[in-house]
Amino acid sequence: MATTIARWGNSQAVRLPKDILERTELHVGDKVSVSQEGSSIRLTKVPQTKAEAFLERFGAFQGSWRAEEADTGAAVGKEQFDA
């Protein structure tokens, strides 16, 4: 399968076909490591840590947060303790 190197701003880019992305389980937004092997270029998915995933979702949060107890109704099982 052939593709073309294109200009993207001041950089160059290669479009990756959808079927290749599906087979390699890569998605838009995934981080990849780029390495050279002779005259070949290799892309390897970089695993996202839980901390990175958390910051991606909540990094821009500027409000305050406080945990509160939620009332779920009367006890119906062994979750009630008698002290």
Protein backbone atom coordinates (compact mmCIF):
# COMPACT_ATOMS: atom_id res chain seq x y z
CA MET A 1 0.00 0.00 0.00
CA ALA A 2 1.51 3.34 -1.01
CA THR A 3 0.83 6.77 0.45
CA THR A 4 2.36 10.21 0.02
CA ILE A 5 4.32 12.41 2.40
CA ALA A 6 2.43 15.72 2.59
CA ARG A 7 3.16 19.12 4.11
CA TRP A 8 1.38 19.92 7.38
CA GLY A 9 2.30 23.46 8.44
CA ASN A 10 6.09 23.51 8.80
CA SER A 11 6.20 19.72 9.20
CA GLN A 12 5.52 16.70 7.03
CA ALA A 13 2.83 14.07 7.59
CA VAL A 14 1.74 10.66 6.35
CA ARG A 15 -1.90 9.59 6.36
CA LEU A 16 -2.46 6.13 7.77
CA PRO A 17 -5.26 4.05 6.24
CA LYS A 18 -8.21 3.18 8.49
CA ASP A 19 -7.79 -0.59 8.05
CA ILE A 20 -4.16 -0.44 9.23
CA LEU A 21 -5.17 1.62 12.28
CA GLU A 22 -7.91 -0.90 13.10
CA ARG A 23 -5.57 -3.90 12.74
CA THR A 24 -2.92 -2.25 14.94
CA GLU A 25 -5.54 -0.97 17.44
CA LEU A 26 -4.33 2.63 17.05
CA HIS A 27 -6.76 5.52 17.40
CA VAL A 28 -6.75 9.27 16.82
CA GLY A 29 -5.04 10.88 19.81
CA ASP A 30 -2.88 7.86 20.70
CA LYS A 31 0.76 8.64 21.42
CA VAL A 32 3.31 6.78 19.34
CA SER A 33 7.07 6.45 19.47
CA VAL A 34 8.83 6.96 16.12
CA SER A 35 12.07 5.10 15.43
CA GLN A 36 14.25 4.44 12.42
CA GLU A 37 15.35 0.95 11.41
CA GLY A 38 17.61 1.20 8.37
CA SER A 39 15.52 2.88 5.68
CA SER A 40 12.26 2.02 7.49
CA ILE A 41 10.25 4.03 10.00
CA ARG A 42 8.56 2.21 12.88
CA LEU A 43 5.61 3.55 14.90
CA THR A 44 5.03 1.97 18.31
CA LYS A 45 2.07 2.81 20.54
CA VAL A 46 3.13 4.40 23.85
CA PRO A 47 1.00 3.07 26.71
CA GLN A 48 -0.91 5.81 28.52
CA THR A 49 -0.51 5.80 32.28
CA LYS A 50 -3.50 6.19 34.59
CA ALA A 51 -2.12 9.56 35.68
CA GLU A 52 -1.94 10.78 32.06
CA ALA A 53 -5.49 9.60 31.41
CA PHE A 54 -6.71 11.39 34.55
CA LEU A 55 -4.96 14.64 33.65
CA GLU A 56 -6.27 14.45 30.08
CA ARG A 57 -9.82 14.31 31.40
CA PHE A 58 -9.60 16.61 34.43
CA GLY A 59 -6.43 18.69 33.95
CA ALA A 60 -8.37 21.85 33.08
CA PHE A 61 -10.74 21.57 36.07
CA GLN A 62 -10.61 24.83 38.04
CA GLY A 63 -13.51 24.36 40.48
CA SER A 64 -13.55 22.94 43.96
CA TRP A 65 -14.50 19.40 44.85
CA ARG A 66 -15.55 17.95 48.15
CA ALA A 67 -16.71 14.44 48.92
CA GLU A 68 -20.09 14.19 50.61
CA GLU A 69 -22.06 11.32 52.03
CA ALA A 70 -25.02 10.32 49.89
CA ASP A 71 -28.29 9.12 51.42
CA THR A 72 -29.28 5.88 49.71
CA GLY A 73 -32.32 5.15 51.89
CA ALA A 74 -32.93 2.74 54.74
CA ALA A 75 -30.60 -0.18 55.38
CA VAL A 76 -31.83 -3.39 53.75
CA GLY A 77 -29.03 -5.82 54.47
CA LYS A 78 -25.88 -6.19 56.52
CA GLU A 79 -24.53 -2.73 55.70
CA GLN A 80 -25.87 -1.33 58.99
CA PHE A 81 -23.57 -1.72 61.98
CA ASP A 82 -24.76 -1.50 65.57
CA ALA A 83 -22.14 0.08 67.78
